Each structure stands twice: as structure tokens, then as C-alpha cells.
Amino acid sequence: MPSTAVAKKAPPTRLLTLPGVYRPQADTQLLADALAKEDLSPATKILEIGTGTGALALGAAARGAQVTAVDVSWRAVVTARLNAFRRRVPLRVLHGDFLERTYGCSFDIVLANPPYVPSPNHRLPSTGPQRAWDAGLDGRLVIDRICASAPSLLRPGGVLLLVHSAMCGAQSTLRRLEQAGLAARVTATAVIPWGPVLRSRRPWLQRQGFAGVEEEQEGLVIIRAQRL
């Protein structure tokens, strides 16, 4: 059974965060806790999709793994590189689409804290900090790409660790991963207060059926999927 927690805001970190870069929050911590349960060695190859400040990638690299981090935001790439330099941790940080930048590569672990907030815009934003959270009408534009590409990104026995909002539908994610040939399950859940983005979209979220009238909390899920 997955563990359940009432998550608090992640404590302040000493990581540098340039303006417009997603700061480590409760979803970051939930994914970090999931990663802490995985065995890492100097031979472990890890990909982080959407690295932001590099918090997760740096944690994995500090444990000795070989880590590649990718982000579509140049500010995030610069932030992660600066944090790696400041901490003297070896980290490969690439700019661009995660599939294009890792073509032909496979990994033991793939970490993903993708954009997952439902948005009135049916397309992904191309600029601005909202690229870190907006993910189309159902919040699944990036999640579904990760599910479809997981078999090619993972080595045999490799593991995907994915965090997203319960609004996006954990069962849909599990079903897509299982259809792709992975063994998938929810390993942890958490409940957090709504942030400013969700609060600003309350009427739209209610009209779309994502939230109730009195709803003030968001559920998060960690999904662990393994290539057989």
C-alpha cells in the first residue's frame, strides 16, 4: 500500500534560484523521498526531466550516480549548472526537449516532476515561468509523453519515478505505463494546500470538474514504474 502524508511546504534550501525558476516545493520533497529508497552506485545512470534548480539531480549526484538533467528553460539550466558548481558536484545539465536531448540513451532511473497543472490553454506555454506547471486542458500533455517514452528511456530493470497531481488521474498514468509494458504502482501520496496558481483558477477548475466548491487541498501521487 502507498504511504500517505500531509505534506508541508519544503523548507528553504541553500540552492540558488534565478527569477522564474521553479523552487523546490512539496512535490520535489516527495520525489526526493522516493529516490532515497532506490539503490544508487557510481554505475547508476539517472535522467531528471525538468530539473529546475537541480535539487533532485544534485542529491543523486552527491550519492555517486551519473546524472543527466534536462530542462526547457535556459534560466533553469543556468541555475542548475551554477548550483552544481557551487556544490562541486559533477552534473550534466542540458537545455531542450528531454527526448531530443537524450536520443539513443537509456538510464537506470528516470526522475520526473513535470508540468501537471490543468490550464485553460490547450497548448504548452513556450515562454515564462508557467512552463514549470501548465500542462494543457487535462494537465497531462507532458505526463503522457513521459509514459509513452519510458520504455525507450529505461534500461531493462530500470525505474521511472514520477510525481504529479491527483487532478491528472493516477489511474490513467498507471494504465498508460502498463500498456507500455512497465510494472507500475502508486507508492506514496500526499496532501498539500492549494497554491496561488490553483487558487487563481478556482472558477475554471470547478467548471471543468477538477475541484469542488469548498476544495482547498491538492493531492499528490508518486508513481514507480519498472521496465521488466
C-alpha atoms as a PDB file:
ATOM      1  CA  MET A   1       0.000   0.000   0.000  1.00  0.00           C
ATOM      2  CA  PRO A   2       1.288   3.504  -0.730  1.00  0.00           C
ATOM      3  CA  SER A   3       2.299   5.659   2.181  1.00  0.00           C
ATOM      4  CA  THR A   4       0.222   8.767   2.798  1.00  0.00           C
ATOM      5  CA  ALA A   5       1.364  12.032   4.317  1.00  0.00           C
ATOM      6  CA  VAL A   6       0.072  15.526   4.903  1.00  0.00           C
ATOM      7  CA  ALA A   7       2.880  17.417   3.257  1.00  0.00           C
ATOM      8  CA  LYS A   8       4.150  20.768   4.402  1.00  0.00           C
ATOM      9  CA  LYS A   9       5.971  23.269   2.298  1.00  0.00           C
ATOM     10  CA  ALA A  10       9.533  22.216   1.652  1.00  0.00           C
ATOM     11  CA  PRO A  11      11.959  24.033   3.952  1.00  0.00           C
ATOM     12  CA  PRO A  12      14.117  26.754   2.442  1.00  0.00           C
ATOM     13  CA  THR A  13      17.183  25.401   0.715  1.00  0.00           C
ATOM     14  CA  ARG A  14      20.557  26.949   0.121  1.00  0.00           C
ATOM     15  CA  LEU A  15      20.206  26.424  -3.588  1.00  0.00           C
ATOM     16  CA  LEU A  16      20.496  29.409  -5.864  1.00  0.00           C
ATOM     17  CA  THR A  17      17.227  30.101  -7.686  1.00  0.00           C
ATOM     18  CA  LEU A  18      17.167  32.584 -10.546  1.00  0.00           C
ATOM     19  CA  PRO A  19      13.933  34.540 -11.123  1.00  0.00           C
ATOM     20  CA  GLY A  20      11.353  32.490 -12.991  1.00  0.00           C
ATOM     21  CA  VAL A  21      12.823  29.099 -11.999  1.00  0.00           C
ATOM     22  CA  TYR A  22      10.623  26.621 -10.127  1.00  0.00           C
ATOM     23  CA  ARG A  23      11.678  26.433  -6.496  1.00  0.00           C
ATOM     24  CA  PRO A  24      11.802  23.082  -4.671  1.00  0.00           C
ATOM     25  CA  GLN A  25       8.399  22.505  -3.092  1.00  0.00           C
ATOM     26  CA  ALA A  26       6.370  19.694  -1.556  1.00  0.00           C
ATOM     27  CA  ASP A  27       6.284  17.698  -4.797  1.00  0.00           C
ATOM     28  CA  THR A  28      10.072  17.969  -5.024  1.00  0.00           C
ATOM     29  CA  GLN A  29      10.431  16.616  -1.498  1.00  0.00           C
ATOM     30  CA  LEU A  30       8.007  13.772  -2.157  1.00  0.00           C
ATOM     31  CA  LEU A  31      10.059  12.727  -5.179  1.00  0.00           C
ATOM     32  CA  ALA A  32      13.296  13.078  -3.207  1.00  0.00           C
ATOM     33  CA  ASP A  33      11.885  10.733  -0.562  1.00  0.00           C
ATOM     34  CA  ALA A  34      11.047   8.199  -3.273  1.00  0.00           C
ATOM     35  CA  LEU A  35      14.539   8.441  -4.751  1.00  0.00           C
ATOM     36  CA  ALA A  36      16.077   7.918  -1.312  1.00  0.00           C
ATOM     37  CA  LYS A  37      14.594   4.399  -1.308  1.00  0.00           C
ATOM     38  CA  GLU A  38      16.396   3.427  -4.532  1.00  0.00           C
ATOM     39  CA  ASP A  39      19.851   1.855  -4.540  1.00  0.00           C
ATOM     40  CA  LEU A  40      22.427   4.059  -6.259  1.00  0.00           C
ATOM     41  CA  SER A  41      26.046   3.356  -7.172  1.00  0.00           C
ATOM     42  CA  PRO A  42      28.737   5.008  -9.301  1.00  0.00           C
ATOM     43  CA  ALA A  43      27.457   2.886 -12.200  1.00  0.00           C
ATOM     44  CA  THR A  44      23.855   4.144 -11.879  1.00  0.00           C
ATOM     45  CA  LYS A  45      22.793   6.382 -14.760  1.00  0.00           C
ATOM     46  CA  ILE A  46      19.985   8.812 -13.940  1.00  0.00           C
ATOM     47  CA  LEU A  47      17.944  11.203 -16.058  1.00  0.00           C
ATOM     48  CA  GLU A  48      15.972  14.020 -14.498  1.00  0.00           C
ATOM     49  CA  ILE A  49      13.262  15.547 -16.685  1.00  0.00           C
ATOM     50  CA  GLY A  50      12.605  19.186 -15.794  1.00  0.00           C
ATOM     51  CA  THR A  51      15.398  19.780 -13.312  1.00  0.00           C
ATOM     52  CA  GLY A  52      14.552  23.337 -12.224  1.00  0.00           C
ATOM     53  CA  THR A  53      17.149  24.320  -9.636  1.00  0.00           C
ATOM     54  CA  GLY A  54      18.761  20.890  -9.924  1.00  0.00           C
ATOM     55  CA  ALA A  55      17.814  19.919  -6.369  1.00  0.00           C
ATOM     56  CA  LEU A  56      16.974  16.288  -7.137  1.00  0.00           C
ATOM     57  CA  ALA A  57      19.758  15.825  -9.663  1.00  0.00           C
ATOM     58  CA  LEU A  58      22.327  17.218  -7.242  1.00  0.00           C
ATOM     59  CA  GLY A  59      21.108  14.919  -4.490  1.00  0.00           C
ATOM     60  CA  ALA A  60      21.501  11.895  -6.742  1.00  0.00           C
ATOM     61  CA  ALA A  61      24.915  13.022  -7.983  1.00  0.00           C
ATOM     62  CA  ALA A  62      26.069  13.569  -4.407  1.00  0.00           C
ATOM     63  CA  ARG A  63      25.255   9.887  -3.776  1.00  0.00           C
ATOM     64  CA  GLY A  64      27.659   8.972  -6.571  1.00  0.00           C
ATOM     65  CA  ALA A  65      25.308   8.409  -9.515  1.00  0.00           C
ATOM     66  CA  GLN A  66      25.944   9.625 -13.052  1.00  0.00           C
ATOM     67  CA  VAL A  67      23.227  12.225 -13.578  1.00  0.00           C
ATOM     68  CA  THR A  68      21.939  13.987 -16.680  1.00  0.00           C
ATOM     69  CA  ALA A  69      19.419  16.767 -16.085  1.00  0.00           C
ATOM     70  CA  VAL A  70      17.282  18.375 -18.807  1.00  0.00           C
ATOM     71  CA  ASP A  71      15.080  21.456 -18.801  1.00  0.00           C
ATOM     72  CA  VAL A  72      13.323  23.541 -21.465  1.00  0.00           C
ATOM     73  CA  SER A  73      14.139  26.738 -19.575  1.00  0.00           C
ATOM     74  CA  TRP A  74      17.544  28.324 -20.090  1.00  0.00           C
ATOM     75  CA  ARG A  75      17.213  30.001 -16.686  1.00  0.00           C
ATOM     76  CA  ALA A  76      16.712  26.605 -15.073  1.00  0.00           C
ATOM     77  CA  VAL A  77      19.711  25.180 -16.932  1.00  0.00           C
ATOM     78  CA  VAL A  78      21.921  28.060 -15.783  1.00  0.00           C
ATOM     79  CA  THR A  79      20.574  27.740 -12.229  1.00  0.00           C
ATOM     80  CA  ALA A  80      21.279  24.004 -12.059  1.00  0.00           C
ATOM     81  CA  ARG A  81      24.761  24.452 -13.502  1.00  0.00           C
ATOM     82  CA  LEU A  82      25.566  27.198 -11.001  1.00  0.00           C
ATOM     83  CA  ASN A  83      24.301  25.084  -8.111  1.00  0.00           C
ATOM     84  CA  ALA A  84      26.399  22.146  -9.280  1.00  0.00           C
ATOM     85  CA  PHE A  85      29.445  24.400  -9.487  1.00  0.00           C
ATOM     86  CA  ARG A  86      28.808  25.881  -6.046  1.00  0.00           C
ATOM     87  CA  ARG A  87      28.404  22.422  -4.503  1.00  0.00           C
ATOM     88  CA  ARG A  88      31.288  20.943  -6.506  1.00  0.00           C
ATOM     89  CA  VAL A  89      29.085  18.092  -7.691  1.00  0.00           C
ATOM     90  CA  PRO A  90      29.508  16.645 -11.208  1.00  0.00           C
ATOM     91  CA  LEU A  91      26.257  17.173 -13.101  1.00  0.00           C
ATOM     92  CA  ARG A  92      25.463  17.195 -16.813  1.00  0.00           C
ATOM     93  CA  VAL A  93      22.740  19.766 -17.499  1.00  0.00           C
ATOM     94  CA  LEU A  94      21.195  20.045 -20.971  1.00  0.00           C
ATOM     95  CA  HIS A  95      18.760  22.550 -22.457  1.00  0.00           C
ATOM     96  CA  GLY A  96      15.816  21.458 -24.571  1.00  0.00           C
ATOM     97  CA  ASP A  97      13.271  18.694 -25.015  1.00  0.00           C
ATOM     98  CA  PHE A  98      14.096  15.633 -22.932  1.00  0.00           C
ATOM     99  CA  LEU A  99      13.520  13.184 -25.795  1.00  0.00           C
ATOM    100  CA  GLU A 100      15.595  15.104 -28.305  1.00  0.00           C
ATOM    101  CA  ARG A 101      18.489  15.654 -25.894  1.00  0.00           C
ATOM    102  CA  THR A 102      18.653  12.013 -24.769  1.00  0.00           C
ATOM    103  CA  TYR A 103      18.041  10.317 -28.120  1.00  0.00           C
ATOM    104  CA  GLY A 104      19.697   6.881 -28.181  1.00  0.00           C
ATOM    105  CA  CYS A 105      20.460   6.930 -24.438  1.00  0.00           C
ATOM    106  CA  SER A 106      18.969   4.769 -21.706  1.00  0.00           C
ATOM    107  CA  PHE A 107      19.031   5.078 -17.947  1.00  0.00           C
ATOM    108  CA  ASP A 108      18.685   3.072 -14.757  1.00  0.00           C
ATOM    109  CA  ILE A 109      16.422   5.687 -13.166  1.00  0.00           C
ATOM    110  CA  VAL A 110      14.308   8.446 -14.704  1.00  0.00           C
ATOM    111  CA  LEU A 111      13.047  11.170 -12.372  1.00  0.00           C
ATOM    112  CA  ALA A 112      10.209  13.425 -13.456  1.00  0.00           C
ATOM    113  CA  ASN A 113       8.400  16.281 -11.754  1.00  0.00           C
ATOM    114  CA  PRO A 114       6.757  17.539 -14.946  1.00  0.00           C
ATOM    115  CA  PRO A 115       4.263  20.341 -15.508  1.00  0.00           C
ATOM    116  CA  TYR A 116       0.906  18.903 -14.419  1.00  0.00           C
ATOM    117  CA  VAL A 117      -1.498  21.740 -13.630  1.00  0.00           C
ATOM    118  CA  PRO A 118      -4.643  21.800 -15.815  1.00  0.00           C
ATOM    119  CA  SER A 119      -4.785  25.014 -17.809  1.00  0.00           C
ATOM    120  CA  PRO A 120      -7.400  26.791 -19.944  1.00  0.00           C
ATOM    121  CA  ASN A 121      -4.748  26.837 -22.695  1.00  0.00           C
ATOM    122  CA  HIS A 122      -4.735  23.566 -24.613  1.00  0.00           C
ATOM    123  CA  ARG A 123      -1.089  24.028 -25.623  1.00  0.00           C
ATOM    124  CA  LEU A 124       2.070  24.099 -23.526  1.00  0.00           C
ATOM    125  CA  PRO A 125       3.387  27.607 -22.901  1.00  0.00           C
ATOM    126  CA  SER A 126       6.548  28.434 -24.832  1.00  0.00           C
ATOM    127  CA  THR A 127       7.819  31.187 -22.526  1.00  0.00           C
ATOM    128  CA  GLY A 128       7.560  32.318 -18.944  1.00  0.00           C
ATOM    129  CA  PRO A 129       7.679  30.614 -15.543  1.00  0.00           C
ATOM    130  CA  GLN A 130       4.330  28.906 -16.222  1.00  0.00           C
ATOM    131  CA  ARG A 131       6.221  26.372 -18.317  1.00  0.00           C
ATOM    132  CA  ALA A 132       7.064  24.737 -14.985  1.00  0.00           C
ATOM    133  CA  TRP A 133       3.404  23.965 -14.191  1.00  0.00           C
ATOM    134  CA  ASP A 134       0.930  24.476 -17.060  1.00  0.00           C
ATOM    135  CA  ALA A 135       0.216  21.235 -18.949  1.00  0.00           C
ATOM    136  CA  GLY A 136      -2.848  21.639 -21.134  1.00  0.00           C
ATOM    137  CA  LEU A 137      -6.558  21.202 -20.536  1.00  0.00           C
ATOM    138  CA  ASP A 138      -6.207  17.987 -18.515  1.00  0.00           C
ATOM    139  CA  GLY A 139      -2.695  18.568 -17.140  1.00  0.00           C
ATOM    140  CA  ARG A 140      -1.350  15.520 -18.977  1.00  0.00           C
ATOM    141  CA  LEU A 141       0.467  16.853 -22.052  1.00  0.00           C
ATOM    142  CA  VAL A 142       3.915  16.136 -20.615  1.00  0.00           C
ATOM    143  CA  ILE A 143       2.885  13.208 -18.403  1.00  0.00           C
ATOM    144  CA  ASP A 144       1.576  11.276 -21.404  1.00  0.00           C
ATOM    145  CA  ARG A 145       4.829  11.860 -23.342  1.00  0.00           C
ATOM    146  CA  ILE A 146       6.806  10.514 -20.406  1.00  0.00           C
ATOM    147  CA  CYS A 147       4.584   7.439 -20.171  1.00  0.00           C
ATOM    148  CA  ALA A 148       4.964   6.728 -23.889  1.00  0.00           C
ATOM    149  CA  SER A 149       8.734   7.210 -23.912  1.00  0.00           C
ATOM    150  CA  ALA A 150       9.553   5.412 -20.645  1.00  0.00           C
ATOM    151  CA  PRO A 151      10.327   2.024 -22.289  1.00  0.00           C
ATOM    152  CA  SER A 152      12.935   3.588 -24.579  1.00  0.00           C
ATOM    153  CA  LEU A 153      14.444   5.731 -21.822  1.00  0.00           C
ATOM    154  CA  LEU A 154      14.844   2.888 -19.329  1.00  0.00           C
ATOM    155  CA  ARG A 155      17.317   0.040 -19.365  1.00  0.00           C
ATOM    156  CA  PRO A 156      15.931  -3.427 -18.578  1.00  0.00           C
ATOM    157  CA  GLY A 157      15.035  -3.319 -14.898  1.00  0.00           C
ATOM    158  CA  GLY A 158      15.161   0.478 -14.924  1.00  0.00           C
ATOM    159  CA  VAL A 159      12.773   2.569 -12.821  1.00  0.00           C
ATOM    160  CA  LEU A 160      10.673   5.646 -13.530  1.00  0.00           C
ATOM    161  CA  LEU A 161       9.774   7.814 -10.536  1.00  0.00           C
ATOM    162  CA  LEU A 162       7.041  10.290 -11.444  1.00  0.00           C
ATOM    163  CA  VAL A 163       5.167  12.814  -9.305  1.00  0.00           C
ATOM    164  CA  HIS A 164       2.006  14.623 -10.312  1.00  0.00           C
ATOM    165  CA  SER A 165      -1.292  15.974  -9.048  1.00  0.00           C
ATOM    166  CA  ALA A 166      -4.190  13.647  -8.322  1.00  0.00           C
ATOM    167  CA  MET A 167      -6.220  16.003 -10.544  1.00  0.00           C
ATOM    168  CA  CYS A 168      -4.460  14.449 -13.550  1.00  0.00           C
ATOM    169  CA  GLY A 169      -5.651  10.952 -12.749  1.00  0.00           C
ATOM    170  CA  ALA A 170      -3.215   8.452 -11.269  1.00  0.00           C
ATOM    171  CA  GLN A 171      -5.145   5.554 -12.783  1.00  0.00           C
ATOM    172  CA  SER A 172      -4.691   6.992 -16.278  1.00  0.00           C
ATOM    173  CA  THR A 173      -0.947   7.156 -15.692  1.00  0.00           C
ATOM    174  CA  LEU A 174      -0.807   3.608 -14.348  1.00  0.00           C
ATOM    175  CA  ARG A 175      -2.817   2.331 -17.292  1.00  0.00           C
ATOM    176  CA  ARG A 176      -0.594   4.047 -19.872  1.00  0.00           C
ATOM    177  CA  LEU A 177       2.573   2.767 -18.247  1.00  0.00           C
ATOM    178  CA  GLU A 178       1.225  -0.772 -18.030  1.00  0.00           C
ATOM    179  CA  GLN A 179       0.170  -0.610 -21.692  1.00  0.00           C
ATOM    180  CA  ALA A 180       3.753   0.424 -22.458  1.00  0.00           C
ATOM    181  CA  GLY A 181       4.989  -2.765 -20.783  1.00  0.00           C
ATOM    182  CA  LEU A 182       6.021  -1.437 -17.378  1.00  0.00           C
ATOM    183  CA  ALA A 183       5.008  -2.663 -13.942  1.00  0.00           C
ATOM    184  CA  ALA A 184       3.578   0.451 -12.281  1.00  0.00           C
ATOM    185  CA  ARG A 185       2.070   1.304  -8.920  1.00  0.00           C
ATOM    186  CA  VAL A 186       1.433   4.270  -6.643  1.00  0.00           C
ATOM    187  CA  THR A 187       3.994   4.181  -3.842  1.00  0.00           C
ATOM    188  CA  ALA A 188       3.200   7.391  -1.945  1.00  0.00           C
ATOM    189  CA  THR A 189       0.582  10.095  -1.714  1.00  0.00           C
ATOM    190  CA  ALA A 190       0.469  13.463  -0.014  1.00  0.00           C
ATOM    191  CA  VAL A 191      -1.977  16.288   0.556  1.00  0.00           C
ATOM    192  CA  ILE A 192      -0.913  19.932   0.310  1.00  0.00           C
ATOM    193  CA  PRO A 193      -2.751  23.279   0.483  1.00  0.00           C
ATOM    194  CA  TRP A 194      -3.619  24.903  -2.807  1.00  0.00           C
ATOM    195  CA  GLY A 195      -1.005  27.340  -4.039  1.00  0.00           C
ATOM    196  CA  PRO A 196      -1.597  30.656  -5.823  1.00  0.00           C
ATOM    197  CA  VAL A 197      -1.886  29.083  -9.294  1.00  0.00           C
ATOM    198  CA  LEU A 198      -4.747  26.763  -8.339  1.00  0.00           C
ATOM    199  CA  ARG A 199      -6.443  29.463  -6.278  1.00  0.00           C
ATOM    200  CA  SER A 200      -6.364  31.838  -9.238  1.00  0.00           C
ATOM    201  CA  ARG A 201      -8.089  29.192 -11.405  1.00  0.00           C
ATOM    202  CA  ARG A 202     -10.725  28.084  -8.928  1.00  0.00           C
ATOM    203  CA  PRO A 203     -13.802  29.006 -11.078  1.00  0.00           C
ATOM    204  CA  TRP A 204     -12.343  27.315 -14.166  1.00  0.00           C
ATOM    205  CA  LEU A 205     -11.235  24.216 -12.238  1.00  0.00           C
ATOM    206  CA  GLN A 206     -14.713  23.903 -10.751  1.00  0.00           C
ATOM    207  CA  ARG A 207     -16.375  24.244 -14.144  1.00  0.00           C
ATOM    208  CA  GLN A 208     -14.116  21.551 -15.557  1.00  0.00           C
ATOM    209  CA  GLY A 209     -14.838  19.186 -12.672  1.00  0.00           C
ATOM    210  CA  PHE A 210     -11.291  19.206 -11.250  1.00  0.00           C
ATOM    211  CA  ALA A 211     -12.295  20.717  -7.915  1.00  0.00           C
ATOM    212  CA  GLY A 212     -15.268  21.042  -5.591  1.00  0.00           C
ATOM    213  CA  VAL A 213     -16.668  24.331  -4.370  1.00  0.00           C
ATOM    214  CA  GLU A 214     -15.008  24.176  -0.951  1.00  0.00           C
ATOM    215  CA  GLU A 215     -11.839  22.391  -2.044  1.00  0.00           C
ATOM    216  CA  GLU A 216      -8.627  23.852  -0.607  1.00  0.00           C
ATOM    217  CA  GLN A 217      -6.163  20.947  -0.825  1.00  0.00           C
ATOM    218  CA  GLU A 218      -4.412  19.145  -3.647  1.00  0.00           C
ATOM    219  CA  GLY A 219      -3.437  15.500  -3.675  1.00  0.00           C
ATOM    220  CA  LEU A 220      -0.041  14.417  -4.990  1.00  0.00           C
ATOM    221  CA  VAL A 221       0.998  10.929  -6.069  1.00  0.00           C
ATOM    222  CA  ILE A 222       4.317   9.197  -6.603  1.00  0.00           C
ATOM    223  CA  ILE A 223       4.222   6.531  -9.291  1.00  0.00           C
ATOM    224  CA  ARG A 224       7.010   3.973  -9.552  1.00  0.00           C
ATOM    225  CA  ALA A 225       7.194   2.072 -12.824  1.00  0.00           C
ATOM    226  CA  GLN A 226       9.779  -0.565 -13.702  1.00  0.00           C
ATOM    227  CA  ARG A 227      10.735  -1.873 -17.099  1.00  0.00           C
ATOM    228  CA  LEU A 228      10.547  -5.652 -16.998  1.00  0.00           C
END
